[in-house]
C-alpha cells in the first residue's frame, strides 16, 4: 500500500519568505523603537515611529519579494519556452542530452537512454525542466505567495515589539524592548529550524546575534543624535 511522503524541501518556498519577514519585522521595528527612544522621544512618538515602520516595512517586504520572485518566474518561463522550442526542432539531440545527464548521475549509457526515451514519451518538457533546468514543483517561483507571506509575517513580527511599547512606560523600553525582542527572535529561529529540520541551537543563536547587533547599533545612533540635537 502506497503512502504519501512529505519532505521538508516542500516547505522551502514559504518557509524562507515567512522566516525572513518575521525576522525582519522584529529586528527592524525593535531597532527603530530603540533608536527613537534612545534619542529621548516620549512614548507616543516611539509608538508612531514603530507603527510607521511596520506599515512601511510590510509594504517594502511585499514589493521586494514580489519583484525578486517575479524575476525568477520570468527566467523560468523563458527557459521553458526555449526548451519547448528545442524539443520540437531537435528532439533527438534533446533526448541524447537528457540521457547524458543520467549517465553523469550514475546510470550506464543503455539504461540512461531507455530512461530518457520513456520520460520524454511521458512528459518531455517536464523531464527537461526538472533534470536539465532544475525547475520542479517544489522550487517553482510563486511571486504572490511570497509577497503575502513576507508582508504578513513581517507585520506579525513587527507587532511584537510594538506590543511592549503599548504595555510598558517609556522609561522601561530601553530594557524591555531588546530583551523581549531577542526572546522572540530565539523562538522564531527555533521554530524555523524545527520546521525545516535544521539544528535548533545554531538557528536561534544566529538570529539573536544579528538582532542584538542591529538593536545595539541603532540605539547607539539614537542616543548620539539625541545628545547632539
Protein backbone atom coordinates (compact mmCIF):
# COMPACT_ATOMS: atom_id res chain seq x y z
CA UNK A 1 0.00 0.00 0.00
CA UNK A 2 1.45 3.36 -1.03
CA UNK A 3 1.66 6.23 1.41
CA UNK A 4 2.28 9.89 0.69
CA UNK A 5 5.65 11.10 1.90
CA UNK A 6 6.10 14.75 2.80
CA UNK A 7 9.59 16.17 2.72
CA UNK A 8 10.92 19.31 4.33
CA UNK A 9 12.09 20.63 0.97
CA UNK A 10 8.42 21.16 0.11
CA UNK A 11 8.39 23.93 2.71
CA UNK A 12 11.37 25.84 1.36
CA UNK A 13 9.44 28.43 -0.62
CA UNK A 14 7.02 29.65 2.02
CA UNK A 15 9.37 28.96 4.96
CA UNK A 16 12.11 31.21 3.59
CA UNK A 17 9.70 34.09 2.97
CA UNK A 18 7.97 33.64 6.33
CA UNK A 19 11.16 33.48 8.38
CA UNK A 20 12.68 36.42 6.53
CA UNK A 21 9.54 38.50 7.02
CA UNK A 22 9.08 37.78 10.72
CA UNK A 23 12.78 38.19 11.49
CA UNK A 24 12.95 41.50 9.66
CA UNK A 25 9.75 42.67 11.35
CA UNK A 26 11.12 42.05 14.82
CA UNK A 27 14.62 43.36 14.19
CA UNK A 28 13.80 46.47 12.18
CA UNK A 29 10.86 47.58 14.34
CA UNK A 30 12.59 46.88 17.64
CA UNK A 31 15.70 48.70 16.40
CA UNK A 32 13.62 51.65 15.20
CA UNK A 33 11.78 51.84 18.52
CA UNK A 34 15.04 51.68 20.46
CA UNK A 35 16.69 54.34 18.31
CA UNK A 36 13.79 56.78 18.77
CA UNK A 37 13.52 56.00 22.49
CA UNK A 38 17.28 56.45 22.96
CA UNK A 39 17.00 59.89 21.37
CA UNK A 40 14.72 60.94 24.22
CA UNK A 41 11.33 60.77 22.48
CA UNK A 42 8.18 60.19 24.51
CA UNK A 43 6.04 57.05 24.32
CA UNK A 44 3.66 58.50 21.74
CA UNK A 45 6.47 59.39 19.35
CA UNK A 46 8.04 55.98 19.83
CA UNK A 47 4.73 54.27 19.07
CA UNK A 48 4.07 56.40 15.97
CA UNK A 49 7.55 55.64 14.66
CA UNK A 50 7.04 51.94 15.29
CA UNK A 51 3.66 51.79 13.55
CA UNK A 52 5.03 53.75 10.59
CA UNK A 53 7.93 51.32 10.44
CA UNK A 54 5.52 48.37 10.49
CA UNK A 55 3.46 49.69 7.57
CA UNK A 56 6.45 50.79 5.51
CA UNK A 57 8.36 47.60 6.21
CA UNK A 58 5.46 45.30 5.36
CA UNK A 59 4.89 47.06 2.04
CA UNK A 60 8.60 47.05 1.29
CA UNK A 61 8.87 43.34 2.03
CA UNK A 62 5.85 42.54 -0.14
CA UNK A 63 7.11 44.63 -3.04
CA UNK A 64 10.65 43.33 -2.77
CA UNK A 65 9.59 39.68 -2.63
CA UNK A 66 7.14 40.12 -5.48
CA UNK A 67 9.67 41.82 -7.74
CA UNK A 68 12.52 39.41 -7.00
CA UNK A 69 10.43 36.25 -7.24
CA UNK A 70 8.70 37.58 -10.38
CA UNK A 71 12.12 37.97 -11.96
CA UNK A 72 12.86 34.35 -11.11
CA UNK A 73 9.50 33.33 -12.56
CA UNK A 74 10.19 35.27 -15.77
CA UNK A 75 13.52 33.49 -16.14
CA UNK A 76 11.89 30.11 -15.59
CA UNK A 77 9.23 30.81 -18.23
CA UNK A 78 11.87 31.97 -20.72
CA UNK A 79 13.93 28.83 -20.15
CA UNK A 80 10.88 26.60 -20.53
CA UNK A 81 9.83 28.36 -23.74
CA UNK A 82 13.29 27.89 -25.24
CA UNK A 83 13.38 24.26 -24.13
CA UNK A 84 9.94 23.66 -25.64
CA UNK A 85 11.13 25.02 -28.97
CA UNK A 86 14.24 22.85 -28.90
CA UNK A 87 12.14 19.77 -28.20
CA UNK A 88 10.20 20.46 -31.39
CA UNK A 89 13.16 21.35 -33.61
CA UNK A 90 15.82 18.97 -32.21
CA UNK A 91 14.13 16.07 -30.40
CA UNK A 92 16.97 13.58 -30.94
CA UNK A 93 19.58 15.97 -29.62
CA UNK A 94 17.42 16.78 -26.59
CA UNK A 95 16.94 13.08 -25.91
CA UNK A 96 20.70 12.50 -26.08
CA UNK A 97 21.25 15.47 -23.79
CA UNK A 98 18.83 14.06 -21.22
CA UNK A 99 20.47 10.63 -21.43
CA UNK A 100 23.89 12.22 -20.85
CA UNK A 101 22.57 13.84 -17.68
CA UNK A 102 21.53 10.42 -16.37
CA UNK A 103 24.89 8.93 -17.30
CA UNK A 104 26.62 11.62 -15.22
CA UNK A 105 24.33 10.68 -12.34
CA UNK A 106 25.47 7.06 -12.45
CA UNK A 107 23.35 5.14 -14.95
CA UNK A 108 25.01 3.11 -17.67
CA UNK A 109 24.53 4.55 -21.19
CA UNK A 110 21.99 1.96 -22.33
CA UNK A 111 19.78 2.36 -19.28
CA UNK A 112 20.17 6.15 -19.39
CA UNK A 113 18.98 6.18 -23.00
CA UNK A 114 15.99 3.98 -22.13
CA UNK A 115 15.03 6.21 -19.22
CA UNK A 116 15.35 9.33 -21.36
CA UNK A 117 13.12 7.83 -24.07
CA UNK A 118 10.45 6.74 -21.58
CA UNK A 119 10.40 10.05 -19.72
CA UNK A 120 10.21 12.07 -22.93
CA UNK A 121 7.29 9.96 -24.11
CA UNK A 122 5.51 10.66 -20.85
CA UNK A 123 6.34 14.38 -20.41
CA UNK A 124 9.28 15.65 -22.43
CA UNK A 125 9.17 19.25 -21.21
CA UNK A 126 8.65 18.20 -17.61
CA UNK A 127 11.64 15.87 -17.74
CA UNK A 128 13.92 18.54 -19.18
CA UNK A 129 12.58 21.19 -16.82
CA UNK A 130 13.32 19.00 -13.82
CA UNK A 131 16.58 17.31 -14.82
CA UNK A 132 18.21 19.85 -17.14
CA UNK A 133 16.94 23.20 -15.83
CA UNK A 134 16.39 22.27 -12.19
CA UNK A 135 12.79 23.55 -12.19
CA UNK A 136 10.35 21.47 -10.15
CA UNK A 137 7.02 21.89 -8.42
CA UNK A 138 8.83 22.43 -5.12
CA UNK A 139 11.16 25.16 -6.38
CA UNK A 140 8.82 26.93 -8.81
CA UNK A 141 8.68 30.67 -8.17
CA UNK A 142 5.37 31.94 -6.72
CA UNK A 143 5.55 35.75 -6.53
CA UNK A 144 2.14 36.43 -4.97
CA UNK A 145 2.54 33.73 -2.34
CA UNK A 146 5.98 35.06 -1.42
CA UNK A 147 4.75 38.66 -1.24
CA UNK A 148 1.81 37.89 1.05
CA UNK A 149 3.89 35.58 3.24
CA UNK A 150 6.61 38.19 3.71
CA UNK A 151 4.21 41.09 4.37
CA UNK A 152 2.06 39.07 6.75
CA UNK A 153 4.90 37.63 8.79
CA UNK A 154 6.70 40.99 8.85
CA UNK A 155 3.57 42.56 10.34
CA UNK A 156 3.30 39.83 12.97
CA UNK A 157 6.97 40.19 13.86
CA UNK A 158 6.77 43.98 14.00
CA UNK A 159 3.67 43.85 16.21
CA UNK A 160 5.59 42.09 18.98
CA UNK A 161 7.92 44.97 19.98
CA UNK A 162 5.05 47.43 19.44
CA UNK A 163 3.02 45.48 21.98
CA UNK A 164 5.79 46.06 24.51
CA UNK A 165 5.68 49.79 23.73
CA UNK A 166 1.93 49.84 24.36
CA UNK A 167 2.10 47.92 27.63
CA UNK A 168 5.11 49.48 29.35
CA UNK A 169 6.08 53.04 30.33
CA UNK A 170 8.77 54.80 28.32
CA UNK A 171 11.48 54.55 30.98
CA UNK A 172 11.39 50.73 30.76
CA UNK A 173 11.53 50.46 26.97
CA UNK A 174 15.33 50.53 26.66
CA UNK A 175 15.48 47.25 28.57
CA UNK A 176 12.14 45.63 27.84
CA UNK A 177 12.17 46.01 24.03
CA UNK A 178 15.59 44.43 23.36
CA UNK A 179 15.18 41.63 25.89
CA UNK A 180 11.72 40.66 24.68
CA UNK A 181 12.74 41.03 21.03
CA UNK A 182 15.73 38.76 21.49
CA UNK A 183 13.44 36.21 23.12
CA UNK A 184 11.05 36.46 20.16
CA UNK A 185 13.96 36.05 17.74
CA UNK A 186 15.24 32.98 19.57
CA UNK A 187 11.77 31.43 19.49
CA UNK A 188 11.44 32.27 15.79
CA UNK A 189 14.81 30.76 14.96
CA UNK A 190 13.98 27.62 16.93
CA UNK A 191 10.58 27.25 15.28
CA UNK A 192 12.03 27.76 11.79
CA UNK A 193 14.81 25.27 12.48
CA UNK A 194 12.39 22.67 13.80
CA UNK A 195 10.09 23.14 10.83
CA UNK A 196 12.95 22.87 8.36
CA UNK A 197 14.79 20.08 10.20
CA UNK A 198 17.88 22.22 10.97
CA UNK A 199 19.85 22.41 14.26
CA UNK A 200 17.73 24.48 16.68
CA UNK A 201 20.57 25.96 18.75
CA UNK A 202 22.52 27.15 15.73
CA UNK A 203 19.48 28.82 14.16
CA UNK A 204 18.42 30.50 17.41
CA UNK A 205 21.95 31.77 18.10
CA UNK A 206 22.30 33.13 14.58
CA UNK A 207 19.15 35.25 14.60
CA UNK A 208 19.65 36.55 18.14
CA UNK A 209 23.24 37.61 17.44
CA UNK A 210 22.36 39.67 14.39
CA UNK A 211 19.26 41.04 16.07
CA UNK A 212 21.25 42.15 19.11
CA UNK A 213 23.86 43.79 16.90
CA UNK A 214 21.23 45.70 14.91
CA UNK A 215 19.44 46.93 18.02
CA UNK A 216 22.70 47.95 19.74
CA UNK A 217 23.88 49.97 16.75
CA UNK A 218 20.52 51.69 16.28
CA UNK A 219 20.20 52.52 19.96
CA UNK A 220 23.71 53.95 19.90
CA UNK A 221 22.86 56.17 16.91
CA UNK A 222 19.67 57.32 18.60
CA UNK A 223 21.49 58.17 21.81
CA UNK A 224 24.21 60.04 19.91
CA UNK A 225 21.76 62.16 17.93
CA UNK A 226 19.59 62.69 20.97
CA UNK A 227 22.54 64.21 22.81
CA UNK A 228 23.84 66.31 19.91
CA UNK A 229 20.41 67.62 18.87
